[in-house]
Amino acid sequence: GDSVQGRFTISQGNAKNTVYLQMNSLKPE
């Protein structure tokens, strides 16, 4: 999405029943 400005990354675990969201440079908003 445009709102996160490239700071968030989604990925899937090897088990394929798990998904992650890595969030960097977090802001109060």
PDB file of all heavy atoms in Angstrom:
ATOM      1  N   GLY A   1       0.816  -1.193   0.000  1.00  0.00           N
ATOM      2  CA  GLY A   1       0.000   0.000   0.000  1.00  0.00           C
ATOM      3  C   GLY A   1       0.857   1.253   0.000  1.00  0.00           C
ATOM      4  O   GLY A   1       2.001   1.250   0.455  1.00  0.00           O
ATOM      5  N   ASP A   2       0.283   2.331  -0.513  1.00  0.00           N
ATOM      6  CA  ASP A   2       1.034   3.583  -0.626  1.00  0.00           C
ATOM      7  C   ASP A   2       1.345   4.204   0.731  1.00  0.00           C
ATOM      8  O   ASP A   2       2.328   4.927   0.870  1.00  0.00           O
ATOM      9  CB  ASP A   2       0.251   4.583  -1.473  1.00  0.00           C
ATOM     10  CG  ASP A   2       0.126   4.153  -2.919  1.00  0.00           C
ATOM     11  OD1 ASP A   2       0.973   3.370  -3.389  1.00  0.00           O
ATOM     12  OD2 ASP A   2      -0.823   4.612  -3.593  1.00  0.00           O
ATOM     13  N   SER A   3       0.524   3.951   1.722  1.00  0.00           N
ATOM     14  CA  SER A   3       0.651   4.645   2.992  1.00  0.00           C
ATOM     15  C   SER A   3       1.916   4.297   3.761  1.00  0.00           C
ATOM     16  O   SER A   3       2.389   5.121   4.549  1.00  0.00           O
ATOM     17  CB  SER A   3      -0.579   4.376   3.866  1.00  0.00           C
ATOM     18  OG  SER A   3      -0.677   3.001   4.179  1.00  0.00           O
ATOM     19  N   VAL A   4       2.469   3.115   3.552  1.00  0.00           N
ATOM     20  CA  VAL A   4       3.625   2.694   4.351  1.00  0.00           C
ATOM     21  C   VAL A   4       4.950   3.106   3.733  1.00  0.00           C
ATOM     22  O   VAL A   4       5.999   2.916   4.349  1.00  0.00           O
ATOM     23  CB  VAL A   4       3.604   1.176   4.600  1.00  0.00           C
ATOM     24  CG1 VAL A   4       2.337   0.793   5.352  1.00  0.00           C
ATOM     25  CG2 VAL A   4       3.698   0.411   3.285  1.00  0.00           C
ATOM     26  N   GLN A   5       4.940   3.635   2.520  1.00  0.00           N
ATOM     27  CA  GLN A   5       6.117   4.220   1.879  1.00  0.00           C
ATOM     28  C   GLN A   5       7.311   3.277   1.847  1.00  0.00           C
ATOM     29  O   GLN A   5       8.455   3.689   2.043  1.00  0.00           O
ATOM     30  CB  GLN A   5       6.483   5.520   2.578  1.00  0.00           C
ATOM     31  CG  GLN A   5       5.367   6.553   2.608  1.00  0.00           C
ATOM     32  CD  GLN A   5       5.731   7.787   3.392  1.00  0.00           C
ATOM     33  OE1 GLN A   5       6.901   8.033   3.674  1.00  0.00           O
ATOM     34  NE2 GLN A   5       4.738   8.588   3.740  1.00  0.00           N
ATOM     35  N   GLY A   6       7.064   1.985   1.600  1.00  0.00           N
ATOM     36  CA  GLY A   6       8.134   1.026   1.473  1.00  0.00           C
ATOM     37  C   GLY A   6       8.742   0.559   2.777  1.00  0.00           C
ATOM     38  O   GLY A   6       9.704  -0.219   2.758  1.00  0.00           O
ATOM     39  N   ARG A   7       8.223   0.983   3.908  1.00  0.00           N
ATOM     40  CA  ARG A   7       8.786   0.612   5.202  1.00  0.00           C
ATOM     41  C   ARG A   7       8.349  -0.762   5.684  1.00  0.00           C
ATOM     42  O   ARG A   7       8.984  -1.319   6.582  1.00  0.00           O
ATOM     43  CB  ARG A   7       8.423   1.654   6.254  1.00  0.00           C
ATOM     44  CG  ARG A   7       9.000   3.040   5.975  1.00  0.00           C
ATOM     45  CD  ARG A   7       8.557   4.051   7.035  1.00  0.00           C
ATOM     46  NE  ARG A   7       7.114   4.287   6.999  1.00  0.00           N
ATOM     47  CZ  ARG A   7       6.282   3.978   7.985  1.00  0.00           C
ATOM     48  NH1 ARG A   7       6.741   3.429   9.106  1.00  0.00           N
ATOM     49  NH2 ARG A   7       4.981   4.227   7.861  1.00  0.00           N
ATOM     50  N   PHE A   8       7.282  -1.287   5.121  1.00  0.00           N
ATOM     51  CA  PHE A   8       6.736  -2.577   5.551  1.00  0.00           C
ATOM     52  C   PHE A   8       6.945  -3.613   4.461  1.00  0.00           C
ATOM     53  O   PHE A   8       6.795  -3.325   3.273  1.00  0.00           O
ATOM     54  CB  PHE A   8       5.243  -2.460   5.850  1.00  0.00           C
ATOM     55  CG  PHE A   8       4.887  -1.565   7.006  1.00  0.00           C
ATOM     56  CD1 PHE A   8       5.857  -0.882   7.722  1.00  0.00           C
ATOM     57  CD2 PHE A   8       3.559  -1.406   7.376  1.00  0.00           C
ATOM     58  CE1 PHE A   8       5.525  -0.058   8.789  1.00  0.00           C
ATOM     59  CE2 PHE A   8       3.208  -0.589   8.434  1.00  0.00           C
ATOM     60  CZ  PHE A   8       4.186   0.086   9.141  1.00  0.00           C
ATOM     61  N   THR A   9       7.255  -4.838   4.871  1.00  0.00           N
ATOM     62  CA  THR A   9       7.488  -5.930   3.944  1.00  0.00           C
ATOM     63  C   THR A   9       6.727  -7.162   4.386  1.00  0.00           C
ATOM     64  O   THR A   9       6.840  -7.583   5.542  1.00  0.00           O
ATOM     65  CB  THR A   9       8.986  -6.266   3.837  1.00  0.00           C
ATOM     66  OG1 THR A   9       9.720  -5.102   3.439  1.00  0.00           O
ATOM     67  CG2 THR A   9       9.209  -7.371   2.812  1.00  0.00           C
ATOM     68  N   ILE A  10       5.966  -7.741   3.474  1.00  0.00           N
ATOM     69  CA  ILE A  10       5.229  -8.960   3.767  1.00  0.00           C
ATOM     70  C   ILE A  10       6.019 -10.159   3.256  1.00  0.00           C
ATOM     71  O   ILE A  10       6.708 -10.084   2.234  1.00  0.00           O
ATOM     72  CB  ILE A  10       3.819  -8.918   3.139  1.00  0.00           C
ATOM     73  CG1 ILE A  10       2.943 -10.043   3.691  1.00  0.00           C
ATOM     74  CG2 ILE A  10       3.891  -8.973   1.618  1.00  0.00           C
ATOM     75  CD1 ILE A  10       1.477  -9.926   3.291  1.00  0.00           C
ATOM     76  N   SER A  11       5.930 -11.266   3.963  1.00  0.00           N
ATOM     77  CA  SER A  11       6.602 -12.490   3.547  1.00  0.00           C
ATOM     78  C   SER A  11       5.822 -13.679   4.071  1.00  0.00           C
ATOM     79  O   SER A  11       4.983 -13.553   4.975  1.00  0.00           O
ATOM     80  CB  SER A  11       8.050 -12.536   4.031  1.00  0.00           C
ATOM     81  OG  SER A  11       8.117 -12.510   5.448  1.00  0.00           O
ATOM     82  N   GLN A  12       6.099 -14.848   3.504  1.00  0.00           N
ATOM     83  CA  GLN A  12       5.414 -16.068   3.876  1.00  0.00           C
ATOM     84  C   GLN A  12       6.408 -17.062   4.456  1.00  0.00           C
ATOM     85  O   GLN A  12       7.515 -17.213   3.935  1.00  0.00           O
ATOM     86  CB  GLN A  12       4.703 -16.673   2.672  1.00  0.00           C
ATOM     87  CG  GLN A  12       3.816 -17.861   2.999  1.00  0.00           C
ATOM     88  CD  GLN A  12       3.079 -18.383   1.784  1.00  0.00           C
ATOM     89  OE1 GLN A  12       3.437 -18.061   0.648  1.00  0.00           O
ATOM     90  NE2 GLN A  12       2.062 -19.176   2.003  1.00  0.00           N
ATOM     91  N   GLY A  13       6.008 -17.743   5.519  1.00  0.00           N
ATOM     92  CA  GLY A  13       6.849 -18.752   6.108  1.00  0.00           C
ATOM     93  C   GLY A  13       6.896 -20.004   5.268  1.00  0.00           C
ATOM     94  O   GLY A  13       6.056 -20.232   4.394  1.00  0.00           O
ATOM     95  N   ASN A  14       7.898 -20.850   5.550  1.00  0.00           N
ATOM     96  CA  ASN A  14       8.045 -22.092   4.791  1.00  0.00           C
ATOM     97  C   ASN A  14       6.865 -23.031   4.991  1.00  0.00           C
ATOM     98  O   ASN A  14       6.552 -23.817   4.092  1.00  0.00           O
ATOM     99  CB  ASN A  14       9.340 -22.794   5.193  1.00  0.00           C
ATOM    100  CG  ASN A  14      10.580 -22.063   4.717  1.00  0.00           C
ATOM    101  OD1 ASN A  14      10.541 -21.332   3.736  1.00  0.00           O
ATOM    102  ND2 ASN A  14      11.686 -22.263   5.414  1.00  0.00           N
ATOM    103  N   ALA A  15       6.228 -22.956   6.140  1.00  0.00           N
ATOM    104  CA  ALA A  15       5.069 -23.794   6.397  1.00  0.00           C
ATOM    105  C   ALA A  15       3.857 -23.391   5.579  1.00  0.00           C
ATOM    106  O   ALA A  15       2.913 -24.151   5.463  1.00  0.00           O
ATOM    107  CB  ALA A  15       4.720 -23.769   7.887  1.00  0.00           C
ATOM    108  N   LYS A  16       3.877 -22.189   5.037  1.00  0.00           N
ATOM    109  CA  LYS A  16       2.842 -21.652   4.157  1.00  0.00           C
ATOM    110  C   LYS A  16       1.501 -21.459   4.834  1.00  0.00           C
ATOM    111  O   LYS A  16       0.515 -21.170   4.168  1.00  0.00           O
ATOM    112  CB  LYS A  16       2.692 -22.516   2.899  1.00  0.00           C
ATOM    113  CG  LYS A  16       3.946 -22.579   2.055  1.00  0.00           C
ATOM    114  CD  LYS A  16       3.679 -23.207   0.705  1.00  0.00           C
ATOM    115  CE  LYS A  16       4.958 -23.318  -0.103  1.00  0.00           C
ATOM    116  NZ  LYS A  16       5.573 -21.998  -0.371  1.00  0.00           N
ATOM    117  N   ASN A  17       1.464 -21.607   6.132  1.00  0.00           N
ATOM    118  CA  ASN A  17       0.283 -21.229   6.891  1.00  0.00           C
ATOM    119  C   ASN A  17       0.578 -20.042   7.799  1.00  0.00           C
ATOM    120  O   ASN A  17      -0.205 -19.740   8.703  1.00  0.00           O
ATOM    121  CB  ASN A  17      -0.243 -22.405   7.707  1.00  0.00           C
ATOM    122  CG  ASN A  17       0.709 -22.831   8.801  1.00  0.00           C
ATOM    123  OD1 ASN A  17       1.904 -22.549   8.743  1.00  0.00           O
ATOM    124  ND2 ASN A  17       0.184 -23.512   9.818  1.00  0.00           N
ATOM    125  N   THR A  18       1.692 -19.380   7.554  1.00  0.00           N
ATOM    126  CA  THR A  18       2.115 -18.237   8.337  1.00  0.00           C
ATOM    127  C   THR A  18       2.588 -17.127   7.414  1.00  0.00           C
ATOM    128  O   THR A  18       3.302 -17.386   6.441  1.00  0.00           O
ATOM    129  CB  THR A  18       3.247 -18.611   9.307  1.00  0.00           C
ATOM    130  OG1 THR A  18       2.819 -19.671  10.170  1.00  0.00           O
ATOM    131  CG2 THR A  18       3.641 -17.411  10.156  1.00  0.00           C
ATOM    132  N   VAL A  19       2.186 -15.919   7.709  1.00  0.00           N
ATOM    133  CA  VAL A  19       2.637 -14.761   6.960  1.00  0.00           C
ATOM    134  C   VAL A  19       3.135 -13.717   7.952  1.00  0.00           C
ATOM    135  O   VAL A  19       2.623 -13.618   9.076  1.00  0.00           O
ATOM    136  CB  VAL A  19       1.514 -14.200   6.056  1.00  0.00           C
ATOM    137  CG1 VAL A  19       0.380 -13.609   6.889  1.00  0.00           C
ATOM    138  CG2 VAL A  19       2.063 -13.176   5.080  1.00  0.00           C
ATOM    139  N   TYR A  20       4.154 -12.966   7.543  1.00  0.00           N
ATOM    140  CA  TYR A  20       4.778 -11.987   8.410  1.00  0.00           C
ATOM    141  C   TYR A  20       4.654 -10.591   7.822  1.00  0.00           C
ATOM    142  O   TYR A  20       4.515 -10.412   6.616  1.00  0.00           O
ATOM    143  CB  TYR A  20       6.262 -12.305   8.603  1.00  0.00           C
ATOM    144  CG  TYR A  20       6.534 -13.698   9.112  1.00  0.00           C
ATOM    145  CD1 TYR A  20       6.924 -14.709   8.241  1.00  0.00           C
ATOM    146  CD2 TYR A  20       6.409 -14.001  10.456  1.00  0.00           C
ATOM    147  CE1 TYR A  20       7.177 -15.984   8.699  1.00  0.00           C
ATOM    148  CE2 TYR A  20       6.657 -15.272  10.926  1.00  0.00           C
ATOM    149  CZ  TYR A  20       7.042 -16.260  10.043  1.00  0.00           C
ATOM    150  OH  TYR A  20       7.296 -17.523  10.503  1.00  0.00           O
ATOM    151  N   LEU A  21       4.731  -9.608   8.691  1.00  0.00           N
ATOM    152  CA  LEU A  21       4.842  -8.220   8.280  1.00  0.00           C
ATOM    153  C   LEU A  21       5.995  -7.596   9.051  1.00  0.00           C
ATOM    154  O   LEU A  21       5.889  -7.385  10.260  1.00  0.00           O
ATOM    155  CB  LEU A  21       3.551  -7.440   8.533  1.00  0.00           C
ATOM    156  CG  LEU A  21       3.561  -6.001   8.022  1.00  0.00           C
ATOM    157  CD1 LEU A  21       3.561  -5.980   6.491  1.00  0.00           C
ATOM    158  CD2 LEU A  21       2.377  -5.216   8.556  1.00  0.00           C
ATOM    159  N   GLN A  22       7.094  -7.343   8.353  1.00  0.00           N
ATOM    160  CA  GLN A  22       8.237  -6.661   8.948  1.00  0.00           C
ATOM    161  C   GLN A  22       8.016  -5.167   8.826  1.00  0.00           C
ATOM    162  O   GLN A  22       7.875  -4.650   7.718  1.00  0.00           O
ATOM    163  CB  GLN A  22       9.532  -7.074   8.251  1.00  0.00           C
ATOM    164  CG  GLN A  22      10.773  -6.389   8.790  1.00  0.00           C
ATOM    165  CD  GLN A  22      11.093  -6.783  10.210  1.00  0.00           C
ATOM    166  OE1 GLN A  22      11.048  -7.964  10.540  1.00  0.00           O
ATOM    167  NE2 GLN A  22      11.395  -5.813  11.046  1.00  0.00           N
ATOM    168  N   MET A  23       8.008  -4.473   9.946  1.00  0.00           N
ATOM    169  CA  MET A  23       7.749  -3.046   9.985  1.00  0.00           C
ATOM    170  C   MET A  23       8.987  -2.342  10.525  1.00  0.00           C
ATOM    171  O   MET A  23       9.401  -2.586  11.656  1.00  0.00           O
ATOM    172  CB  MET A  23       6.536  -2.729  10.855  1.00  0.00           C
ATOM    173  CG  MET A  23       5.279  -3.489  10.446  1.00  0.00           C
ATOM    174  SD  MET A  23       3.814  -2.944  11.351  1.00  0.00           S
ATOM    175  CE  MET A  23       4.274  -3.430  13.015  1.00  0.00           C
ATOM    176  N   ASN A  24       9.560  -1.475   9.712  1.00  0.00           N
ATOM    177  CA  ASN A  24      10.755  -0.733  10.076  1.00  0.00           C
ATOM    178  C   ASN A  24      10.465   0.760  10.087  1.00  0.00           C
ATOM    179  O   ASN A  24       9.506   1.229   9.488  1.00  0.00           O
ATOM    180  CB  ASN A  24      11.891  -1.032   9.097  1.00  0.00           C
ATOM    181  CG  ASN A  24      12.298  -2.480   9.083  1.00  0.00           C
ATOM    182  OD1 ASN A  24      12.317  -3.139  10.117  1.00  0.00           O
ATOM    183  ND2 ASN A  24      12.652  -2.989   7.905  1.00  0.00           N
ATOM    184  N   SER A  25      11.331   1.503  10.758  1.00  0.00           N
ATOM    185  CA  SER A  25      11.224   2.962  10.824  1.00  0.00           C
ATOM    186  C   SER A  25       9.826   3.397  11.234  1.00  0.00           C
ATOM    187  O   SER A  25       9.209   4.262  10.607  1.00  0.00           O
ATOM    188  CB  SER A  25      11.613   3.582   9.478  1.00  0.00           C
ATOM    189  OG  SER A  25      12.931   3.225   9.115  1.00  0.00           O
ATOM    190  N   LEU A  26       9.329   2.807  12.287  1.00  0.00           N
ATOM    191  CA  LEU A  26       7.965   3.063  12.722  1.00  0.00           C
ATOM    192  C   LEU A  26       7.788   4.504  13.178  1.00  0.00           C
ATOM    193  O   LEU A  26       8.688   5.103  13.768  1.00  0.00           O
ATOM    194  CB  LEU A  26       7.575   2.103  13.828  1.00  0.00           C
ATOM    195  CG  LEU A  26       7.296   0.676  13.357  1.00  0.00           C
ATOM    196  CD1 LEU A  26       7.312  -0.288  14.528  1.00  0.00           C
ATOM    197  CD2 LEU A  26       5.962   0.621  12.631  1.00  0.00           C
ATOM    198  N   LYS A  27       6.619   5.027  12.897  1.00  0.00           N
ATOM    199  CA  LYS A  27       6.254   6.395  13.233  1.00  0.00           C
ATOM    200  C   LYS A  27       5.030   6.383  14.143  1.00  0.00           C
ATOM    201  O   LYS A  27       4.251   5.430  14.128  1.00  0.00           O
ATOM    202  CB  LYS A  27       5.944   7.193  11.965  1.00  0.00           C
ATOM    203  CG  LYS A  27       7.052   7.180  10.930  1.00  0.00           C
ATOM    204  CD  LYS A  27       6.605   7.868   9.646  1.00  0.00           C
ATOM    205  CE  LYS A  27       7.690   7.838   8.597  1.00  0.00           C
ATOM    206  NZ  LYS A  27       7.258   8.490   7.337  1.00  0.00           N
ATOM    207  N   PRO A  28       4.836   7.449  14.920  1.00  0.00           N
ATOM    208  CA  PRO A  28       3.639   7.492  15.774  1.00  0.00           C
ATOM    209  C   PRO A  28       2.343   7.303  14.991  1.00  0.00           C
ATOM    210  O   PRO A  28       1.400   6.702  15.523  1.00  0.00           O
ATOM    211  CB  PRO A  28       3.719   8.887  16.411  1.00  0.00           C
ATOM    212  CG  PRO A  28       5.179   9.181  16.461  1.00  0.00           C
ATOM    213  CD  PRO A  28       5.741   8.582  15.191  1.00  0.00           C
ATOM    214  N   GLU A  29       2.286   7.773  13.765  1.00  0.00           N
ATOM    215  CA  GLU A  29       1.085   7.616  12.968  1.00  0.00           C
ATOM    216  C   GLU A  29       0.834   6.177  12.526  1.00  0.00           C
ATOM    217  O   GLU A  29      -0.213   5.882  11.952  1.00  0.00           O
ATOM    218  CB  GLU A  29       1.113   8.537  11.741  1.00  0.00           C
ATOM    219  CG  GLU A  29       2.398   8.445  10.945  1.00  0.00           C
ATOM    220  CD  GLU A  29       3.384   9.549  11.287  1.00  0.00           C
ATOM    221  OE1 GLU A  29       3.594   9.807  12.489  1.00  0.00           O
ATOM    222  OE2 GLU A  29       3.944  10.163  10.354  1.00  0.00           O
TER     223      GLU A  29
END
